[in-house]
Structures are given as C-alpha cells and as structure tokens.
Amino acid sequence: MIQLQDYFRSRVSQAAYDLFAVFSRFEYAMKKGGFRRRDSADAAWTKFANDLPADIFPRLHAAPEVAIYFDAPPDRLVADTGEGVQWSGTPTTPSTLRELLDCIKIARNNLFHGDKRHDNRRDTELMAAALFVLNHIYESIEHEPKFDAFISEMEYGL
C-alpha cells in the first residue's frame, strides 16, 4: 500500500513545500511577535500590513517576480448552492500591501484546501511569488526595532 506522503511528494512542487514552511513560521512569528488578533490566536495580518514600511508595496508591485499576483491573481473557493464549493470567479487584483498579503493567503489556502489538479505550473508560480514577497518583507524589516520580537520568532534554529 502506498503511503500518502509518497504519493504526493512527486505531485507537489518544492515551492509549495517551501511556502508551507515559510508561511507557517511567518504566521507563528506574527502571533508571538505582537501581531495577534486581540481575542484570538490568529495572526493579525491587517495590523502587520499597516505597520510595515510604506515603500514595500511599490517595490513589490514593480518586481517581475510578483507580477502574477497583479496580472492574474488567485481566485478563492466559495460555497455553492449545493453541498460543495466553486471558484468565486471574481479574483481581486491587489492595490495595497494588505490586499497583496490577502492574495498570498488565498494562494496558500488554495494550495492546502483547493483543487490542485488543473494548473501545476501556475500554482508553482504563485508559490514562488509568495515566497518572494515574504522574503522581501522579512529582509525589509529585519533591522527595524519595532519588528524585533517578530524577527526573533522567525529565527527557527537559524
């Protein structure tokens, strides 16, 4: 009998595995580093985006590595009229850093909860672009004192 991890290992891109590792640590560091929702253990992405330096979004918008999020943003799964789900058909092109981070969360959710049988190349591009964004944010705030707690939590065995 095949083990599920062996079955999926050849079907999921390295970028997807990398995004899983980076994204999960990013959210953990946000929660431990002062960017947690008030009455919840969830990461406060809006607060985080609002506290980031203002020049990050224009740099990311201009970066060719992130173009897929502006040219063909990911769609989200929504409940259909029956018992299932379907694509909304109305993906949002980001115009702010918060919206770009929302798109990355949608891509991550689609990777872990969505239908991944149709366009592996596109999915890999979305994952690689998401990694570029998260790395760019990390590098941009690595020496900013207000993000010290976040940065220290990112350093998982580094």
N, C-alpha and C. Protein backbone atom coordinates (compact mmCIF):
# COMPACT_ATOMS: atom_id res chain seq x y z
N MET A 1 0.84 -1.18 0.00
CA MET A 1 0.00 0.00 0.00
C MET A 1 0.89 1.24 0.00
N ILE A 2 0.57 2.17 -0.86
CA ILE A 2 1.36 3.40 -0.95
C ILE A 2 1.07 4.32 0.24
N GLN A 3 2.11 4.94 0.73
CA GLN A 3 1.96 5.93 1.79
C GLN A 3 1.56 7.26 1.14
N LEU A 4 0.64 7.96 1.75
CA LEU A 4 0.12 9.19 1.15
C LEU A 4 1.23 10.21 0.89
N GLN A 5 2.16 10.37 1.81
CA GLN A 5 3.24 11.33 1.60
C GLN A 5 4.08 10.96 0.38
N ASP A 6 4.26 9.67 0.12
CA ASP A 6 5.00 9.24 -1.06
C ASP A 6 4.23 9.56 -2.34
N TYR A 7 2.92 9.37 -2.30
CA TYR A 7 2.07 9.68 -3.44
C TYR A 7 2.15 11.16 -3.80
N PHE A 8 2.06 12.02 -2.80
CA PHE A 8 2.02 13.46 -3.06
C PHE A 8 3.39 14.08 -3.30
N ARG A 9 4.45 13.45 -2.83
CA ARG A 9 5.79 14.03 -2.95
C ARG A 9 6.13 14.38 -4.40
N SER A 10 5.75 13.54 -5.34
CA SER A 10 6.07 13.81 -6.74
C SER A 10 5.04 14.71 -7.42
N ARG A 11 3.96 15.03 -6.73
CA ARG A 11 2.89 15.82 -7.33
C ARG A 11 2.83 17.25 -6.80
N VAL A 12 3.54 17.53 -5.74
CA VAL A 12 3.53 18.86 -5.14
C VAL A 12 4.91 19.47 -5.35
N SER A 13 4.95 20.70 -5.82
CA SER A 13 6.23 21.34 -6.15
C SER A 13 7.04 21.66 -4.89
N GLN A 14 8.34 21.81 -5.09
CA GLN A 14 9.21 22.21 -3.99
C GLN A 14 8.80 23.58 -3.47
N ALA A 15 8.36 24.46 -4.37
CA ALA A 15 7.91 25.79 -3.95
C ALA A 15 6.73 25.68 -2.99
N ALA A 16 5.85 24.72 -3.20
CA ALA A 16 4.71 24.53 -2.30
C ALA A 16 5.19 24.08 -0.92
N TYR A 17 6.12 23.13 -0.89
CA TYR A 17 6.68 22.71 0.40
C TYR A 17 7.39 23.87 1.09
N ASP A 18 8.14 24.64 0.32
CA ASP A 18 8.85 25.80 0.88
C ASP A 18 7.86 26.82 1.43
N LEU A 19 6.78 27.07 0.68
CA LEU A 19 5.80 28.04 1.15
C LEU A 19 5.14 27.55 2.43
N PHE A 20 4.84 26.27 2.51
CA PHE A 20 4.27 25.74 3.74
C PHE A 20 5.18 26.05 4.93
N ALA A 21 6.47 25.79 4.80
CA ALA A 21 7.41 26.02 5.89
C ALA A 21 7.53 27.50 6.24
N VAL A 22 7.71 28.34 5.23
CA VAL A 22 7.90 29.77 5.47
C VAL A 22 6.62 30.43 5.97
N PHE A 23 5.50 30.15 5.32
CA PHE A 23 4.23 30.78 5.69
C PHE A 23 3.84 30.40 7.12
N SER A 24 3.97 29.13 7.47
CA SER A 24 3.57 28.72 8.81
C SER A 24 4.45 29.38 9.87
N ARG A 25 5.75 29.48 9.60
CA ARG A 25 6.63 30.15 10.57
C ARG A 25 6.34 31.64 10.61
N PHE A 26 6.03 32.24 9.47
CA PHE A 26 5.70 33.66 9.39
C PHE A 26 4.50 33.96 10.29
N GLU A 27 3.44 33.16 10.16
CA GLU A 27 2.25 33.38 10.99
C GLU A 27 2.55 33.15 12.46
N TYR A 28 3.32 32.14 12.77
CA TYR A 28 3.69 31.90 14.16
C TYR A 28 4.45 33.10 14.72
N ALA A 29 5.43 33.59 13.97
CA ALA A 29 6.22 34.73 14.42
C ALA A 29 5.35 35.98 14.58
N MET A 30 4.37 36.14 13.70
CA MET A 30 3.45 37.27 13.84
C MET A 30 2.71 37.18 15.17
N LYS A 31 2.17 36.01 15.47
CA LYS A 31 1.38 35.83 16.69
C LYS A 31 2.24 36.01 17.94
N LYS A 32 3.44 35.49 17.94
CA LYS A 32 4.34 35.61 19.09
C LYS A 32 5.02 36.98 19.14
N GLY A 33 5.09 37.66 18.00
CA GLY A 33 5.83 38.91 17.91
C GLY A 33 4.98 40.16 17.94
N GLY A 34 3.75 40.07 18.45
CA GLY A 34 2.93 41.26 18.63
C GLY A 34 1.89 41.51 17.56
N PHE A 35 1.72 40.58 16.65
CA PHE A 35 0.73 40.75 15.58
C PHE A 35 -0.30 39.62 15.64
N ARG A 36 -1.01 39.58 16.77
CA ARG A 36 -2.05 38.59 17.01
C ARG A 36 -3.35 39.33 17.21
N ARG A 37 -4.42 38.72 16.72
CA ARG A 37 -5.74 39.32 16.94
C ARG A 37 -6.02 39.40 18.43
N ARG A 38 -6.76 40.40 18.82
CA ARG A 38 -6.97 40.69 20.25
C ARG A 38 -7.46 39.49 21.05
N ASP A 39 -8.54 38.89 20.66
CA ASP A 39 -9.15 37.81 21.44
C ASP A 39 -9.05 36.46 20.74
N SER A 40 -7.99 36.27 20.00
CA SER A 40 -7.87 35.06 19.20
C SER A 40 -6.39 34.70 19.05
N ALA A 41 -6.14 33.46 18.75
CA ALA A 41 -4.76 33.02 18.49
C ALA A 41 -4.39 33.18 17.02
N ASP A 42 -5.20 33.90 16.26
CA ASP A 42 -4.95 34.10 14.83
C ASP A 42 -4.00 35.28 14.59
N ALA A 43 -3.22 35.17 13.53
CA ALA A 43 -2.33 36.26 13.14
C ALA A 43 -3.14 37.47 12.69
N ALA A 44 -2.67 38.65 13.05
CA ALA A 44 -3.33 39.91 12.67
C ALA A 44 -2.66 40.46 11.42
N TRP A 45 -3.04 39.91 10.27
CA TRP A 45 -2.42 40.30 9.00
C TRP A 45 -2.64 41.76 8.66
N THR A 46 -3.83 42.29 8.94
CA THR A 46 -4.10 43.70 8.62
C THR A 46 -3.20 44.61 9.44
N LYS A 47 -3.10 44.36 10.74
CA LYS A 47 -2.22 45.17 11.60
C LYS A 47 -0.78 45.06 11.11
N PHE A 48 -0.35 43.85 10.78
CA PHE A 48 1.00 43.65 10.30
C PHE A 48 1.24 44.46 9.03
N ALA A 49 0.34 44.35 8.06
CA ALA A 49 0.48 45.09 6.80
C ALA A 49 0.51 46.59 7.05
N ASN A 50 -0.34 47.07 7.94
CA ASN A 50 -0.40 48.51 8.22
C ASN A 50 0.86 49.01 8.91
N ASP A 51 1.55 48.16 9.65
CA ASP A 51 2.76 48.57 10.36
C ASP A 51 4.03 48.46 9.52
N LEU A 52 3.95 47.80 8.38
CA LEU A 52 5.13 47.65 7.53
C LEU A 52 5.50 48.98 6.87
N PRO A 53 6.77 49.18 6.55
CA PRO A 53 7.19 50.40 5.87
C PRO A 53 6.41 50.63 4.57
N ALA A 54 6.05 51.87 4.32
CA ALA A 54 5.20 52.23 3.17
C ALA A 54 5.85 51.93 1.82
N ASP A 55 7.17 51.88 1.76
CA ASP A 55 7.83 51.67 0.47
C ASP A 55 7.86 50.20 0.02
N ILE A 56 7.41 49.29 0.85
CA ILE A 56 7.44 47.87 0.48
C ILE A 56 6.49 47.59 -0.68
N PHE A 57 5.26 48.07 -0.61
CA PHE A 57 4.30 47.74 -1.66
C PHE A 57 4.74 48.23 -3.04
N PRO A 58 5.17 49.49 -3.20
CA PRO A 58 5.61 49.91 -4.54
C PRO A 58 6.77 49.06 -5.08
N ARG A 59 7.68 48.65 -4.21
CA ARG A 59 8.79 47.80 -4.66
C ARG A 59 8.29 46.44 -5.11
N LEU A 60 7.35 45.87 -4.36
CA LEU A 60 6.80 44.57 -4.74
C LEU A 60 5.96 44.67 -6.01
N HIS A 61 5.22 45.74 -6.14
CA HIS A 61 4.39 45.94 -7.33
C HIS A 61 5.25 46.02 -8.59
N ALA A 62 6.44 46.58 -8.45
CA ALA A 62 7.35 46.73 -9.59
C ALA A 62 8.19 45.48 -9.86
N ALA A 63 8.22 44.56 -8.93
CA ALA A 63 9.08 43.38 -9.07
C ALA A 63 8.48 42.36 -10.04
N PRO A 64 9.21 41.98 -11.07
CA PRO A 64 8.68 40.99 -12.02
C PRO A 64 8.37 39.65 -11.36
N GLU A 65 9.05 39.33 -10.26
CA GLU A 65 8.82 38.07 -9.57
C GLU A 65 7.42 37.97 -8.97
N VAL A 66 6.75 39.11 -8.81
CA VAL A 66 5.43 39.15 -8.17
C VAL A 66 4.32 39.44 -9.18
N ALA A 67 4.67 39.60 -10.44
CA ALA A 67 3.71 40.03 -11.47
C ALA A 67 2.46 39.17 -11.53
N ILE A 68 2.57 37.88 -11.29
CA ILE A 68 1.41 37.00 -11.40
C ILE A 68 0.28 37.44 -10.46
N TYR A 69 0.62 38.01 -9.32
CA TYR A 69 -0.42 38.46 -8.38
C TYR A 69 -1.16 39.70 -8.88
N PHE A 70 -0.54 40.45 -9.77
CA PHE A 70 -1.18 41.64 -10.32
C PHE A 70 -1.82 41.36 -11.68
N ASP A 71 -1.23 40.44 -12.43
CA ASP A 71 -1.74 40.11 -13.77
C ASP A 71 -2.84 39.05 -13.75
N ALA A 72 -2.75 38.11 -12.84
CA ALA A 72 -3.72 37.00 -12.77
C ALA A 72 -3.83 36.51 -11.32
N PRO A 73 -4.42 37.33 -10.44
CA PRO A 73 -4.48 36.97 -9.02
C PRO A 73 -5.27 35.69 -8.78
N PRO A 74 -4.98 35.01 -7.68
CA PRO A 74 -5.68 33.76 -7.39
C PRO A 74 -7.14 34.01 -7.02
N ASP A 75 -7.97 33.07 -7.39
CA ASP A 75 -9.39 33.11 -7.04
C ASP A 75 -9.57 32.34 -5.74
N ARG A 76 -10.70 32.56 -5.08
CA ARG A 76 -10.96 31.84 -3.84
C ARG A 76 -12.14 30.91 -4.00
N LEU A 77 -12.12 29.85 -3.22
CA LEU A 77 -13.24 28.92 -3.18
C LEU A 77 -14.34 29.50 -2.31
N VAL A 78 -15.58 29.37 -2.78
CA VAL A 78 -16.75 29.81 -2.03
C VAL A 78 -17.78 28.69 -2.03
N ALA A 79 -18.70 28.73 -1.09
CA ALA A 79 -19.76 27.73 -1.05
C ALA A 79 -20.67 27.90 -2.26
N ASP A 80 -21.07 26.78 -2.85
CA ASP A 80 -22.03 26.86 -3.95
C ASP A 80 -23.44 26.66 -3.39
N THR A 81 -24.41 26.59 -4.27
CA THR A 81 -25.80 26.48 -3.81
C THR A 81 -26.12 25.10 -3.26
N GLY A 82 -25.27 24.13 -3.53
CA GLY A 82 -25.50 22.78 -3.01
C GLY A 82 -24.64 22.53 -1.79
N GLU A 83 -24.01 21.38 -1.79
CA GLU A 83 -23.17 20.97 -0.65
C GLU A 83 -21.68 21.19 -0.92
N GLY A 84 -21.34 21.71 -2.09
CA GLY A 84 -19.94 21.80 -2.46
C GLY A 84 -19.38 23.21 -2.46
N VAL A 85 -18.30 23.35 -3.19
CA VAL A 85 -17.62 24.64 -3.34
C VAL A 85 -17.33 24.87 -4.82
N GLN A 86 -17.10 26.12 -5.14
CA GLN A 86 -16.74 26.50 -6.50
C GLN A 86 -15.86 27.74 -6.43
N TRP A 87 -15.20 28.05 -7.53
CA TRP A 87 -14.38 29.27 -7.58
C TRP A 87 -15.32 30.47 -7.67
N SER A 88 -14.96 31.56 -7.00
CA SER A 88 -15.83 32.74 -6.97
C SER A 88 -15.98 33.37 -8.34
N GLY A 89 -14.94 33.30 -9.17
CA GLY A 89 -14.98 33.92 -10.49
C GLY A 89 -14.66 35.40 -10.45
N THR A 90 -14.34 35.93 -9.28
CA THR A 90 -14.03 37.36 -9.14
C THR A 90 -12.77 37.58 -8.30
N PRO A 91 -11.61 37.14 -8.81
CA PRO A 91 -10.38 37.39 -8.05
C PRO A 91 -10.10 38.88 -7.96
N THR A 92 -9.47 39.30 -6.88
CA THR A 92 -9.19 40.71 -6.64
C THR A 92 -7.73 41.02 -6.94
N THR A 93 -7.50 42.00 -7.81
CA THR A 93 -6.15 42.47 -8.08
C THR A 93 -5.73 43.39 -6.94
N PRO A 94 -4.61 43.09 -6.28
CA PRO A 94 -4.23 43.90 -5.12
C PRO A 94 -3.81 45.32 -5.49
N SER A 95 -4.25 46.27 -4.67
CA SER A 95 -3.83 47.66 -4.85
C SER A 95 -3.19 48.21 -3.59
N THR A 96 -3.06 47.37 -2.56
CA THR A 96 -2.39 47.74 -1.32
C THR A 96 -1.59 46.53 -0.84
N LEU A 97 -0.70 46.76 0.10
CA LEU A 97 0.07 45.66 0.66
C LEU A 97 -0.84 44.68 1.39
N ARG A 98 -1.84 45.18 2.09
CA ARG A 98 -2.78 44.29 2.78
C ARG A 98 -3.47 43.37 1.78
N GLU A 99 -3.89 43.93 0.63
CA GLU A 99 -4.56 43.12 -0.38
C GLU A 99 -3.60 42.11 -1.02
N LEU A 100 -2.34 42.49 -1.19
CA LEU A 100 -1.36 41.54 -1.71
C LEU A 100 -1.16 40.39 -0.73
N LEU A 101 -1.08 40.70 0.56
CA LEU A 101 -0.96 39.64 1.56
C LEU A 101 -2.22 38.78 1.58
N ASP A 102 -3.38 39.38 1.38
CA ASP A 102 -4.62 38.60 1.27
C ASP A 102 -4.54 37.62 0.09
N CYS A 103 -4.01 38.08 -1.04
CA CYS A 103 -3.85 37.21 -2.21
C CYS A 103 -2.92 36.04 -1.90
N ILE A 104 -1.86 36.30 -1.16
CA ILE A 104 -0.93 35.24 -0.79
C ILE A 104 -1.63 34.23 0.13
N LYS A 105 -2.45 34.74 1.04
CA LYS A 105 -3.20 33.83 1.92
C LYS A 105 -4.19 33.00 1.11
N ILE A 106 -4.81 33.60 0.10
CA ILE A 106 -5.72 32.84 -0.77
C ILE A 106 -4.95 31.74 -1.51
N ALA A 107 -3.79 32.09 -2.06
CA ALA A 107 -2.98 31.09 -2.77
C ALA A 107 -2.58 29.96 -1.82
N ARG A 108 -2.19 30.32 -0.61
CA ARG A 108 -1.83 29.31 0.39
C ARG A 108 -3.04 28.44 0.73
N ASN A 109 -4.18 29.06 0.95
CA ASN A 109 -5.40 28.29 1.25
C ASN A 109 -5.77 27.38 0.09
N ASN A 110 -5.65 27.89 -1.13
CA ASN A 110 -5.96 27.06 -2.30
C ASN A 110 -5.01 25.87 -2.39
N LEU A 111 -3.75 26.10 -2.07
CA LEU A 111 -2.77 25.02 -2.10
C LEU A 111 -3.17 23.92 -1.12
N PHE A 112 -3.57 24.30 0.08
CA PHE A 112 -3.85 23.31 1.11
C PHE A 112 -5.29 22.83 1.14
N HIS A 113 -6.21 23.60 0.56
CA HIS A 113 -7.62 23.22 0.65
C HIS A 113 -8.32 23.15 -0.70
N GLY A 114 -7.65 23.54 -1.77
CA GLY A 114 -8.33 23.68 -3.06
C GLY A 114 -8.07 22.55 -4.03
N ASP A 115 -8.54 22.76 -5.24
CA ASP A 115 -8.42 21.79 -6.33
C ASP A 115 -7.09 22.03 -7.04
N LYS A 116 -6.17 21.12 -6.91
CA LYS A 116 -4.85 21.30 -7.49
C LYS A 116 -4.60 20.36 -8.67
N ARG A 117 -5.63 19.98 -9.37
CA ARG A 117 -5.45 19.05 -10.49
C ARG A 117 -5.26 19.75 -11.82
N HIS A 118 -5.45 21.05 -11.90
CA HIS A 118 -5.60 21.68 -13.20
C HIS A 118 -4.39 22.43 -13.72
N ASP A 119 -3.66 23.18 -12.94
CA ASP A 119 -2.60 24.03 -13.50
C ASP A 119 -1.41 24.09 -12.55
N ASN A 120 -0.62 23.05 -12.54
CA ASN A 120 0.51 22.97 -11.63
C ASN A 120 1.54 24.07 -11.88
N ARG A 121 1.78 24.44 -13.14
CA ARG A 121 2.75 25.49 -13.45
C ARG A 121 2.33 26.80 -12.81
N ARG A 122 1.06 27.16 -12.95
CA ARG A 122 0.56 28.41 -12.36
C ARG A 122 0.66 28.36 -10.84
N ASP A 123 0.29 27.24 -10.26
CA ASP A 123 0.38 27.10 -8.80
C ASP A 123 1.81 27.30 -8.33
N THR A 124 2.76 26.72 -9.04
CA THR A 124 4.16 26.86 -8.68
C THR A 124 4.59 28.32 -8.79
N GLU A 125 4.14 29.02 -9.83
CA GLU A 125 4.46 30.45 -9.98
C GLU A 125 3.89 31.26 -8.82
N LEU A 126 2.65 30.95 -8.42
CA LEU A 126 2.04 31.66 -7.29
C LEU A 126 2.82 31.41 -6.00
N MET A 127 3.25 30.18 -5.79
CA MET A 127 4.01 29.86 -4.58
C MET A 127 5.36 30.57 -4.58
N ALA A 128 6.05 30.54 -5.72
CA ALA A 128 7.35 31.20 -5.82
C ALA A 128 7.21 32.70 -5.60
N ALA A 129 6.17 33.30 -6.15
CA ALA A 129 5.93 34.73 -5.96
C ALA A 129 5.60 35.04 -4.50
N ALA A 130 4.83 34.19 -3.86
CA ALA A 130 4.50 34.38 -2.44
C ALA A 130 5.77 34.32 -1.60
N LEU A 131 6.64 33.38 -1.90
CA LEU A 131 7.91 33.28 -1.18
C LEU A 131 8.75 34.53 -1.38
N PHE A 132 8.76 35.05 -2.61
CA PHE A 132 9.49 36.29 -2.89
C PHE A 132 8.96 37.42 -2.01
N VAL A 133 7.64 37.56 -1.92
CA VAL A 133 7.02 38.62 -1.12
C VAL A 133 7.40 38.46 0.35
N LEU A 134 7.24 37.27 0.90
CA LEU A 134 7.52 37.06 2.32
C LEU A 134 9.00 37.30 2.62
N ASN A 135 9.88 36.84 1.75
CA ASN A 135 11.31 37.10 1.94
C ASN A 135 11.63 38.58 1.84
N HIS A 136 11.00 39.27 0.90
CA HIS A 136 11.23 40.70 0.75
C HIS A 136 10.79 41.46 2.01
N ILE A 137 9.63 41.10 2.53
CA ILE A 137 9.15 41.74 3.76
C ILE A 137 10.13 41.47 4.90
N TYR A 138 10.53 40.23 5.06
CA TYR A 138 11.47 39.87 6.13
C TYR A 138 12.76 40.69 6.02
N GLU A 139 13.33 40.74 4.82
CA GLU A 139 14.57 41.49 4.62
C GLU A 139 14.38 42.98 4.87
N SER A 140 13.20 43.50 4.55
CA SER A 140 12.92 44.93 4.71
C SER A 140 12.78 45.35 6.16
N ILE A 141 12.38 44.43 7.02
CA ILE A 141 12.14 44.80 8.43
C ILE A 141 13.12 44.14 9.39
N GLU A 142 14.05 43.40 8.87
CA GLU A 142 14.97 42.62 9.70
C GLU A 142 15.70 43.48 10.74
N HIS A 143 15.98 44.73 10.43
CA HIS A 143 16.72 45.59 11.35
C HIS A 143 15.87 46.74 11.89
N GLU A 144 14.55 46.62 11.76
CA GLU A 144 13.63 47.63 12.29
C GLU A 144 13.29 47.26 13.74
N PRO A 145 13.61 48.11 14.71
CA PRO A 145 13.38 47.76 16.12
C PRO A 145 11.94 47.36 16.45
N LYS A 146 10.95 47.98 15.81
CA LYS A 146 9.56 47.64 16.14
C LYS A 146 9.17 46.22 15.74
N PHE A 147 10.02 45.57 14.92
CA PHE A 147 9.75 44.20 14.50
C PHE A 147 10.70 43.19 15.15
N ASP A 148 11.44 43.62 16.18
CA ASP A 148 12.42 42.73 16.82
C ASP A 148 11.80 41.43 17.32
N ALA A 149 10.64 41.52 17.97
CA ALA A 149 10.01 40.31 18.52
C ALA A 149 9.60 39.37 17.38
N PHE A 150 9.07 39.92 16.31
CA PHE A 150 8.70 39.11 15.14
C PHE A 150 9.94 38.43 14.56
N ILE A 151 11.00 39.20 14.35
CA ILE A 151 12.22 38.67 13.75
C ILE A 151 12.82 37.57 14.63
N SER A 152 12.83 37.77 15.94
CA SER A 152 13.41 36.75 16.81
C SER A 152 12.62 35.45 16.76
N GLU A 153 11.31 35.53 16.56
CA GLU A 153 10.49 34.32 16.44
C GLU A 153 10.65 33.64 15.08
N MET A 154 11.04 34.40 14.06
CA MET A 154 11.28 33.81 12.74
C MET A 154 12.53 32.94 12.75
N GLU A 155 13.45 33.25 13.62
CA GLU A 155 14.75 32.57 13.63
C GLU A 155 14.64 31.20 14.28
N TYR A 156 14.01 30.31 13.57
CA TYR A 156 13.77 28.94 14.00
C TYR A 156 15.01 28.12 13.73
N GLY A 157 15.86 28.03 14.73
CA GLY A 157 17.07 27.24 14.57
C GLY A 157 18.12 27.87 13.67
N LEU A 158 17.97 29.17 13.36
CA LEU A 158 18.97 29.81 12.49
C LEU A 158 20.21 30.19 13.27
